[in-house]
PDB file of N, CA and C in Angstrom:
ATOM      1  N   MET A   1     153.572 -30.413  39.695  1.00  0.00           N
ATOM      2  CA  MET A   1     152.870 -31.878  39.477  1.00  0.00           C
ATOM      3  C   MET A   1     151.676 -31.923  40.284  1.00  0.00           C
ATOM      4  N   ILE A   2     150.511 -32.492  39.715  1.00  0.00           N
ATOM      5  CA  ILE A   2     149.501 -32.718  40.545  1.00  0.00           C
ATOM      6  C   ILE A   2     149.321 -34.359  40.528  1.00  0.00           C
ATOM      7  N   ILE A   3     149.013 -34.763  41.829  1.00  0.00           N
ATOM      8  CA  ILE A   3     148.882 -36.096  42.054  1.00  0.00           C
ATOM      9  C   ILE A   3     147.516 -36.219  42.674  1.00  0.00           C
ATOM     10  N   GLN A   4     146.556 -37.007  42.110  1.00  0.00           N
ATOM     11  CA  GLN A   4     145.030 -37.053  42.391  1.00  0.00           C
ATOM     12  C   GLN A   4     144.929 -38.400  42.858  1.00  0.00           C
ATOM     13  N   ILE A   5     144.608 -38.739  44.014  1.00  0.00           N
ATOM     14  CA  ILE A   5     144.131 -40.107  44.355  1.00  0.00           C
ATOM     15  C   ILE A   5     142.686 -40.147  44.561  1.00  0.00           C
ATOM     16  N   CYS A   6     142.130 -41.406  43.895  1.00  0.00           N
ATOM     17  CA  CYS A   6     140.680 -41.542  44.008  1.00  0.00           C
ATOM     18  C   CYS A   6     140.404 -42.049  45.469  1.00  0.00           C
ATOM     19  N   VAL A   7     139.425 -41.086  45.986  1.00  0.00           N
ATOM     20  CA  VAL A   7     139.011 -41.550  47.274  1.00  0.00           C
ATOM     21  C   VAL A   7     137.400 -42.006  47.207  1.00  0.00           C
ATOM     22  N   GLY A   8     136.941 -42.363  46.037  1.00  0.00           N
ATOM     23  CA  GLY A   8     135.626 -42.889  45.925  1.00  0.00           C
ATOM     24  C   GLY A   8     135.450 -44.142  46.608  1.00  0.00           C
ATOM     25  N   SER A   9     134.161 -44.614  46.751  1.00  0.00           N
ATOM     26  CA  SER A   9     134.084 -45.787  47.640  1.00  0.00           C
ATOM     27  C   SER A   9     134.766 -47.118  47.305  1.00  0.00           C
ATOM     28  N   SER A  10     134.941 -47.482  45.998  1.00  0.00           N
ATOM     29  CA  SER A  10     135.803 -48.601  45.735  1.00  0.00           C
ATOM     30  C   SER A  10     137.313 -48.393  46.099  1.00  0.00           C
ATOM     31  N   CYS A  11     137.685 -47.106  45.899  1.00  0.00           N
ATOM     32  CA  CYS A  11     139.111 -47.165  46.100  1.00  0.00           C
ATOM     33  C   CYS A  11     139.522 -46.979  47.750  1.00  0.00           C
ATOM     34  N   CYS A  12     138.449 -46.279  48.134  1.00  0.00           N
ATOM     35  CA  CYS A  12     138.528 -46.104  49.659  1.00  0.00           C
ATOM     36  C   CYS A  12     138.692 -47.587  50.396  1.00  0.00           C
ATOM     37  N   ILE A  13     137.972 -48.417  49.904  1.00  0.00           N
ATOM     38  CA  ILE A  13     137.975 -49.850  50.374  1.00  0.00           C
ATOM     39  C   ILE A  13     139.334 -50.335  50.060  1.00  0.00           C
ATOM     40  N   LYS A  14     139.932 -50.010  48.987  1.00  0.00           N
ATOM     41  CA  LYS A  14     141.320 -50.672  48.586  1.00  0.00           C
ATOM     42  C   LYS A  14     142.646 -49.936  49.206  1.00  0.00           C
ATOM     43  N   GLY A  15     142.141 -48.952  50.014  1.00  0.00           N
ATOM     44  CA  GLY A  15     143.404 -48.394  50.694  1.00  0.00           C
ATOM     45  C   GLY A  15     143.771 -46.963  50.242  1.00  0.00           C
ATOM     46  N   SER A  16     142.808 -46.190  49.622  1.00  0.00           N
ATOM     47  CA  SER A  16     143.146 -44.820  49.393  1.00  0.00           C
ATOM     48  C   SER A  16     143.602 -44.002  50.415  1.00  0.00           C
ATOM     49  N   GLU A  17     143.023 -44.002  51.542  1.00  0.00           N
ATOM     50  CA  GLU A  17     143.238 -43.388  52.796  1.00  0.00           C
ATOM     51  C   GLU A  17     144.844 -43.490  53.224  1.00  0.00           C
ATOM     52  N   ARG A  18     145.293 -44.758  53.403  1.00  0.00           N
ATOM     53  CA  ARG A  18     146.558 -45.052  53.421  1.00  0.00           C
ATOM     54  C   ARG A  18     147.573 -44.351  52.471  1.00  0.00           C
ATOM     55  N   LEU A  19     147.112 -44.496  51.108  1.00  0.00           N
ATOM     56  CA  LEU A  19     147.997 -44.100  50.135  1.00  0.00           C
ATOM     57  C   LEU A  19     148.114 -42.454  50.260  1.00  0.00           C
ATOM     58  N   VAL A  20     147.002 -41.873  50.589  1.00  0.00           N
ATOM     59  CA  VAL A  20     147.027 -40.402  50.826  1.00  0.00           C
ATOM     60  C   VAL A  20     148.174 -40.220  51.801  1.00  0.00           C
ATOM     61  N   GLU A  21     148.283 -40.792  52.926  1.00  0.00           N
ATOM     62  CA  GLU A  21     149.026 -40.663  54.156  1.00  0.00           C
ATOM     63  C   GLU A  21     150.553 -40.824  53.579  1.00  0.00           C
ATOM     64  N   MET A  22     150.674 -41.941  52.672  1.00  0.00           N
ATOM     65  CA  MET A  22     152.039 -42.390  52.260  1.00  0.00           C
ATOM     66  C   MET A  22     152.588 -41.320  51.274  1.00  0.00           C
ATOM     67  N   PHE A  23     151.668 -40.852  50.141  1.00  0.00           N
ATOM     68  CA  PHE A  23     152.049 -39.652  49.492  1.00  0.00           C
ATOM     69  C   PHE A  23     152.478 -38.481  50.226  1.00  0.00           C
ATOM     70  N   ASP A  24     151.601 -38.161  51.163  1.00  0.00           N
ATOM     71  CA  ASP A  24     151.924 -36.951  51.999  1.00  0.00           C
ATOM     72  C   ASP A  24     153.298 -37.010  52.767  1.00  0.00           C
ATOM     73  N   GLN A  25     153.475 -38.199  53.392  1.00  0.00           N
ATOM     74  CA  GLN A  25     154.969 -38.304  54.000  1.00  0.00           C
ATOM     75  C   GLN A  25     156.133 -38.232  53.018  1.00  0.00           C
ATOM     76  N   ALA A  26     155.897 -38.907  51.938  1.00  0.00           N
ATOM     77  CA  ALA A  26     156.821 -39.107  50.703  1.00  0.00           C
ATOM     78  C   ALA A  26     157.219 -37.601  50.250  1.00  0.00           C
ATOM     79  N   ILE A  27     156.185 -36.761  50.137  1.00  0.00           N
ATOM     80  CA  ILE A  27     156.327 -35.339  49.398  1.00  0.00           C
ATOM     81  C   ILE A  27     156.915 -34.581  50.599  1.00  0.00           C
ATOM     82  N   ALA A  28     156.579 -34.677  51.763  1.00  0.00           N
ATOM     83  CA  ALA A  28     157.280 -33.919  52.885  1.00  0.00           C
ATOM     84  C   ALA A  28     158.706 -34.275  52.969  1.00  0.00           C
ATOM     85  N   LEU A  29     159.121 -35.577  52.924  1.00  0.00           N
ATOM     86  CA  LEU A  29     160.454 -36.051  52.994  1.00  0.00           C
ATOM     87  C   LEU A  29     161.374 -35.734  51.767  1.00  0.00           C
ATOM     88  N   SER A  30     160.794 -35.584  50.806  1.00  0.00           N
ATOM     89  CA  SER A  30     161.297 -35.144  49.525  1.00  0.00           C
ATOM     90  C   SER A  30     161.551 -33.846  49.386  1.00  0.00           C
ATOM     91  N   GLY A  31     161.087 -33.088  50.368  1.00  0.00           N
ATOM     92  CA  GLY A  31     161.284 -31.433  50.362  1.00  0.00           C
ATOM     93  C   GLY A  31     160.850 -30.807  48.977  1.00  0.00           C
ATOM     94  N   ARG A  32     159.815 -31.472  48.247  1.00  0.00           N
ATOM     95  CA  ARG A  32     159.362 -31.018  47.010  1.00  0.00           C
ATOM     96  C   ARG A  32     157.840 -30.734  47.092  1.00  0.00           C
ATOM     97  N   ASP A  33     157.529 -30.225  48.430  1.00  0.00           N
ATOM     98  CA  ASP A  33     156.112 -29.934  48.688  1.00  0.00           C
ATOM     99  C   ASP A  33     155.476 -28.687  47.801  1.00  0.00           C
ATOM    100  N   LYS A  34     156.539 -27.746  47.614  1.00  0.00           N
ATOM    101  CA  LYS A  34     155.953 -26.884  46.532  1.00  0.00           C
ATOM    102  C   LYS A  34     155.975 -27.148  45.143  1.00  0.00           C
ATOM    103  N   ASP A  35     156.327 -28.219  44.769  1.00  0.00           N
ATOM    104  CA  ASP A  35     156.377 -28.657  43.468  1.00  0.00           C
ATOM    105  C   ASP A  35     155.291 -29.757  43.173  1.00  0.00           C
ATOM    106  N   ILE A  36     154.605 -30.190  44.289  1.00  0.00           N
ATOM    107  CA  ILE A  36     153.578 -31.389  44.069  1.00  0.00           C
ATOM    108  C   ILE A  36     152.474 -30.825  44.749  1.00  0.00           C
ATOM    109  N   THR A  37     151.351 -31.026  44.039  1.00  0.00           N
ATOM    110  CA  THR A  37     150.074 -30.599  44.760  1.00  0.00           C
ATOM    111  C   THR A  37     149.398 -32.196  44.738  1.00  0.00           C
ATOM    112  N   LEU A  38     148.897 -32.519  46.096  1.00  0.00           N
ATOM    113  CA  LEU A  38     148.215 -33.717  46.356  1.00  0.00           C
ATOM    114  C   LEU A  38     146.763 -33.327  46.618  1.00  0.00           C
ATOM    115  N   ALA A  39     145.982 -34.264  45.845  1.00  0.00           N
ATOM    116  CA  ALA A  39     144.492 -33.956  45.927  1.00  0.00           C
ATOM    117  C   ALA A  39     143.763 -35.326  46.098  1.00  0.00           C
ATOM    118  N   GLY A  40     142.665 -35.108  46.642  1.00  0.00           N
ATOM    119  CA  GLY A  40     141.818 -36.291  46.620  1.00  0.00           C
ATOM    120  C   GLY A  40     141.000 -36.190  45.465  1.00  0.00           C
ATOM    121  N   SER A  41     140.596 -37.260  44.898  1.00  0.00           N
ATOM    122  CA  SER A  41     139.353 -36.897  43.696  1.00  0.00           C
ATOM    123  C   SER A  41     138.387 -38.181  43.795  1.00  0.00           C
ATOM    124  N   PHE A  42     137.154 -37.802  43.564  1.00  0.00           N
ATOM    125  CA  PHE A  42     136.033 -38.899  43.439  1.00  0.00           C
ATOM    126  C   PHE A  42     136.338 -39.596  42.173  1.00  0.00           C
ATOM    127  N   CYS A  43     135.631 -40.660  41.863  1.00  0.00           N
ATOM    128  CA  CYS A  43     135.962 -41.659  40.904  1.00  0.00           C
ATOM    129  C   CYS A  43     136.392 -40.919  39.557  1.00  0.00           C
ATOM    130  N   ILE A  44     137.641 -41.551  39.178  1.00  0.00           N
ATOM    131  CA  ILE A  44     138.323 -41.152  38.161  1.00  0.00           C
ATOM    132  C   ILE A  44     138.005 -41.975  36.843  1.00  0.00           C
ATOM    133  N   GLY A  45     137.083 -42.824  37.215  1.00  0.00           N
ATOM    134  CA  GLY A  45     136.542 -43.660  36.056  1.00  0.00           C
ATOM    135  C   GLY A  45     137.506 -44.739  35.555  1.00  0.00           C
ATOM    136  N   LYS A  46     138.421 -45.266  36.147  1.00  0.00           N
ATOM    137  CA  LYS A  46     139.120 -46.404  35.513  1.00  0.00           C
ATOM    138  C   LYS A  46     139.438 -47.395  36.705  1.00  0.00           C
ATOM    139  N   CYS A  47     138.440 -47.854  37.416  1.00  0.00           N
ATOM    140  CA  CYS A  47     138.484 -48.617  38.453  1.00  0.00           C
ATOM    141  C   CYS A  47     139.247 -49.895  38.267  1.00  0.00           C
ATOM    142  N   SER A  48     139.940 -50.642  39.069  1.00  0.00           N
ATOM    143  CA  SER A  48     140.608 -51.775  38.999  1.00  0.00           C
ATOM    144  C   SER A  48     139.971 -52.732  40.201  1.00  0.00           C
ATOM    145  N   PRO A  49     140.145 -53.980  39.843  1.00  0.00           N
ATOM    146  CA  PRO A  49     139.781 -54.854  41.078  1.00  0.00           C
ATOM    147  C   PRO A  49     140.676 -54.919  42.226  1.00  0.00           C
ATOM    148  N   VAL A  50     141.925 -54.493  41.931  1.00  0.00           N
ATOM    149  CA  VAL A  50     143.086 -54.427  42.969  1.00  0.00           C
ATOM    150  C   VAL A  50     143.530 -52.953  42.994  1.00  0.00           C
ATOM    151  N   GLY A  51     143.574 -52.327  44.188  1.00  0.00           N
ATOM    152  CA  GLY A  51     144.232 -51.399  44.135  1.00  0.00           C
ATOM    153  C   GLY A  51     143.582 -50.020  43.821  1.00  0.00           C
ATOM    154  N   VAL A  52     144.182 -48.812  43.980  1.00  0.00           N
ATOM    155  CA  VAL A  52     143.744 -47.663  43.915  1.00  0.00           C
ATOM    156  C   VAL A  52     143.963 -46.978  42.596  1.00  0.00           C
ATOM    157  N   THR A  53     143.047 -46.256  42.101  1.00  0.00           N
ATOM    158  CA  THR A  53     143.396 -45.330  40.699  1.00  0.00           C
ATOM    159  C   THR A  53     144.234 -43.845  41.188  1.00  0.00           C
ATOM    160  N   VAL A  54     145.241 -43.583  40.665  1.00  0.00           N
ATOM    161  CA  VAL A  54     146.156 -42.392  40.981  1.00  0.00           C
ATOM    162  C   VAL A  54     146.385 -41.807  39.565  1.00  0.00           C
ATOM    163  N   GLN A  55     146.106 -40.499  39.655  1.00  0.00           N
ATOM    164  CA  GLN A  55     146.392 -39.615  38.436  1.00  0.00           C
ATOM    165  C   GLN A  55     147.573 -38.957  38.679  1.00  0.00           C
ATOM    166  N   VAL A  56     148.592 -38.660  37.846  1.00  0.00           N
ATOM    167  CA  VAL A  56     149.732 -38.186  37.897  1.00  0.00           C
ATOM    168  C   VAL A  56     149.732 -37.223  36.912  1.00  0.00           C
ATOM    169  N   ASN A  57     149.672 -35.935  36.980  1.00  0.00           N
ATOM    170  CA  ASN A  57     149.356 -34.933  35.788  1.00  0.00           C
ATOM    171  C   ASN A  57     148.253 -35.584  34.974  1.00  0.00           C
ATOM    172  N   ASP A  58     148.474 -35.706  33.566  1.00  0.00           N
ATOM    173  CA  ASP A  58     147.348 -36.428  32.931  1.00  0.00           C
ATOM    174  C   ASP A  58     147.570 -37.904  32.678  1.00  0.00           C
ATOM    175  N   ASP A  59     148.226 -38.665  33.464  1.00  0.00           N
ATOM    176  CA  ASP A  59     148.693 -39.898  33.211  1.00  0.00           C
ATOM    177  C   ASP A  59     147.713 -40.502  34.482  1.00  0.00           C
ATOM    178  N   ILE A  60     146.877 -41.554  33.890  1.00  0.00           N
ATOM    179  CA  ILE A  60     146.204 -42.345  35.049  1.00  0.00           C
ATOM    180  C   ILE A  60     146.847 -43.649  35.098  1.00  0.00           C
ATOM    181  N   HIS A  61     146.955 -44.119  36.406  1.00  0.00           N
ATOM    182  CA  HIS A  61     147.610 -45.249  36.921  1.00  0.00           C
ATOM    183  C   HIS A  61     146.438 -46.141  37.799  1.00  0.00           C
ATOM    184  N   VAL A  62     146.293 -47.494  37.484  1.00  0.00           N
ATOM    185  CA  VAL A  62     145.462 -48.249  38.202  1.00  0.00           C
ATOM    186  C   VAL A  62     145.991 -49.225  38.914  1.00  0.00           C
ATOM    187  N   GLY A  63     145.324 -49.670  40.146  1.00  0.00           N
ATOM    188  CA  GLY A  63     146.142 -50.731  40.927  1.00  0.00           C
ATOM    189  C   GLY A  63     147.025 -50.389  41.884  1.00  0.00           C
ATOM    190  N   VAL A  64     147.221 -49.246  41.991  1.00  0.00           N
ATOM    191  CA  VAL A  64     148.306 -48.763  43.139  1.00  0.00           C
ATOM    192  C   VAL A  64     147.923 -49.156  44.584  1.00  0.00           C
ATOM    193  N   THR A  65     148.722 -49.787  45.137  1.00  0.00           N
ATOM    194  CA  THR A  65     148.548 -50.382  46.644  1.00  0.00           C
ATOM    195  C   THR A  65     149.529 -49.755  47.609  1.00  0.00           C
ATOM    196  N   PRO A  66     149.142 -49.648  48.708  1.00  0.00           N
ATOM    197  CA  PRO A  66     150.074 -49.240  49.859  1.00  0.00           C
ATOM    198  C   PRO A  66     151.263 -50.006  49.678  1.00  0.00           C
ATOM    199  N   GLU A  67     151.325 -51.389  49.497  1.00  0.00           N
ATOM    200  CA  GLU A  67     152.459 -52.213  49.270  1.00  0.00           C
ATOM    201  C   GLU A  67     153.429 -51.931  47.945  1.00  0.00           C
ATOM    202  N   GLY A  68     152.754 -51.499  47.002  1.00  0.00           N
ATOM    203  CA  GLY A  68     153.545 -51.092  46.004  1.00  0.00           C
ATOM    204  C   GLY A  68     153.869 -49.608  45.653  1.00  0.00           C
ATOM    205  N   PHE A  69     153.387 -48.946  46.919  1.00  0.00           N
ATOM    206  CA  PHE A  69     153.917 -47.514  46.953  1.00  0.00           C
ATOM    207  C   PHE A  69     155.263 -47.153  46.588  1.00  0.00           C
ATOM    208  N   ARG A  70     156.309 -47.751  47.218  1.00  0.00           N
ATOM    209  CA  ARG A  70     157.675 -47.356  46.927  1.00  0.00           C
ATOM    210  C   ARG A  70     158.099 -47.317  45.494  1.00  0.00           C
ATOM    211  N   ASP A  71     157.633 -48.654  45.067  1.00  0.00           N
ATOM    212  CA  ASP A  71     157.943 -48.783  43.484  1.00  0.00           C
ATOM    213  C   ASP A  71     157.216 -47.760  42.637  1.00  0.00           C
ATOM    214  N   PHE A  72     155.945 -47.375  42.825  1.00  0.00           N
ATOM    215  CA  PHE A  72     155.152 -46.425  42.110  1.00  0.00           C
ATOM    216  C   PHE A  72     155.952 -45.044  42.366  1.00  0.00           C
ATOM    217  N   TRP A  73     156.339 -44.777  43.552  1.00  0.00           N
ATOM    218  CA  TRP A  73     156.946 -43.380  44.079  1.00  0.00           C
ATOM    219  C   TRP A  73     158.323 -43.328  42.983  1.00  0.00           C
ATOM    220  N   SER A  74     159.039 -44.418  42.948  1.00  0.00           N
ATOM    221  CA  SER A  74     160.365 -44.341  42.404  1.00  0.00           C
ATOM    222  C   SER A  74     160.336 -44.476  40.845  1.00  0.00           C
ATOM    223  N   GLN A  75     159.301 -45.180  40.424  1.00  0.00           N
ATOM    224  CA  GLN A  75     159.107 -45.496  38.957  1.00  0.00           C
ATOM    225  C   GLN A  75     158.297 -44.466  38.000  1.00  0.00           C
ATOM    226  N   VAL A  76     157.479 -43.748  38.939  1.00  0.00           N
ATOM    227  CA  VAL A  76     156.573 -42.789  38.312  1.00  0.00           C
ATOM    228  C   VAL A  76     156.610 -41.595  38.680  1.00  0.00           C
ATOM    229  N   VAL A  77     156.596 -41.381  40.028  1.00  0.00           N
ATOM    230  CA  VAL A  77     156.461 -39.936  40.463  1.00  0.00           C
ATOM    231  C   VAL A  77     157.958 -39.319  40.375  1.00  0.00           C
ATOM    232  N   LEU A  78     159.095 -39.803  40.786  1.00  0.00           N
ATOM    233  CA  LEU A  78     160.381 -39.170  40.570  1.00  0.00           C
ATOM    234  C   LEU A  78     160.662 -39.049  39.012  1.00  0.00           C
ATOM    235  N   PRO A  79     160.549 -39.816  38.365  1.00  0.00           N
ATOM    236  CA  PRO A  79     160.830 -39.457  36.909  1.00  0.00           C
ATOM    237  C   PRO A  79     160.006 -38.501  36.472  1.00  0.00           C
ATOM    238  N   THR A  80     158.822 -38.415  36.638  1.00  0.00           N
ATOM    239  CA  THR A  80     157.839 -37.291  36.248  1.00  0.00           C
ATOM    240  C   THR A  80     158.517 -35.853  36.743  1.00  0.00           C
ATOM    241  N   LEU A  81     158.831 -35.865  37.995  1.00  0.00           N
ATOM    242  CA  LEU A  81     159.608 -34.690  38.644  1.00  0.00           C
ATOM    243  C   LEU A  81     160.675 -34.357  37.854  1.00  0.00           C
ATOM    244  N   ALA A  82     161.586 -35.390  37.720  1.00  0.00           N
ATOM    245  CA  ALA A  82     162.871 -35.109  36.951  1.00  0.00           C
ATOM    246  C   ALA A  82     162.554 -34.608  35.435  1.00  0.00           C
ATOM    247  N   LYS A  83     161.564 -34.979  34.788  1.00  0.00           N
ATOM    248  CA  LYS A  83     161.090 -34.523  33.552  1.00  0.00           C
ATOM    249  C   LYS A  83     160.743 -33.068  33.763  1.00  0.00           C
ATOM    250  N   GLU A  84     160.029 -32.779  34.707  1.00  0.00           N
ATOM    251  CA  GLU A  84     159.443 -31.332  34.700  1.00  0.00           C
ATOM    252  C   GLU A  84     160.587 -30.370  35.131  1.00  0.00           C
ATOM    253  N   ASP A  85     161.410 -30.999  35.931  1.00  0.00           N
ATOM    254  CA  ASP A  85     162.856 -30.228  36.348  1.00  0.00           C
ATOM    255  C   ASP A  85     163.512 -29.645  34.941  1.00  0.00           C
ATOM    256  N   GLN A  86     163.513 -30.644  34.053  1.00  0.00           N
ATOM    257  CA  GLN A  86     164.294 -30.293  32.912  1.00  0.00           C
ATOM    258  C   GLN A  86     163.611 -29.271  31.898  1.00  0.00           C
ATOM    259  N   MET A  87     162.433 -29.081  32.127  1.00  0.00           N
ATOM    260  CA  MET A  87     161.528 -28.137  31.130  1.00  0.00           C
ATOM    261  C   MET A  87     161.957 -26.731  31.700  1.00  0.00           C
TER     262      MET A  87
END
């Protein structure tokens, strides 16, 4: 799995640095660091007035915030990992 977090100026202002830290910690705690590549990306092109743009594999998610990280992790990242495990 590849998770790309937009670190362009707009997303940086909206908390991308904090999200990078949160993803890094969650990946380490999950023990799936060999299964997940975390990367920064300049503008993904789907800016949102609220939150950061995050791409998980080919799926783009807009409006991800540090406050909504846990929900994003449990509703997007973990199901994607489970689907990949089944392949």
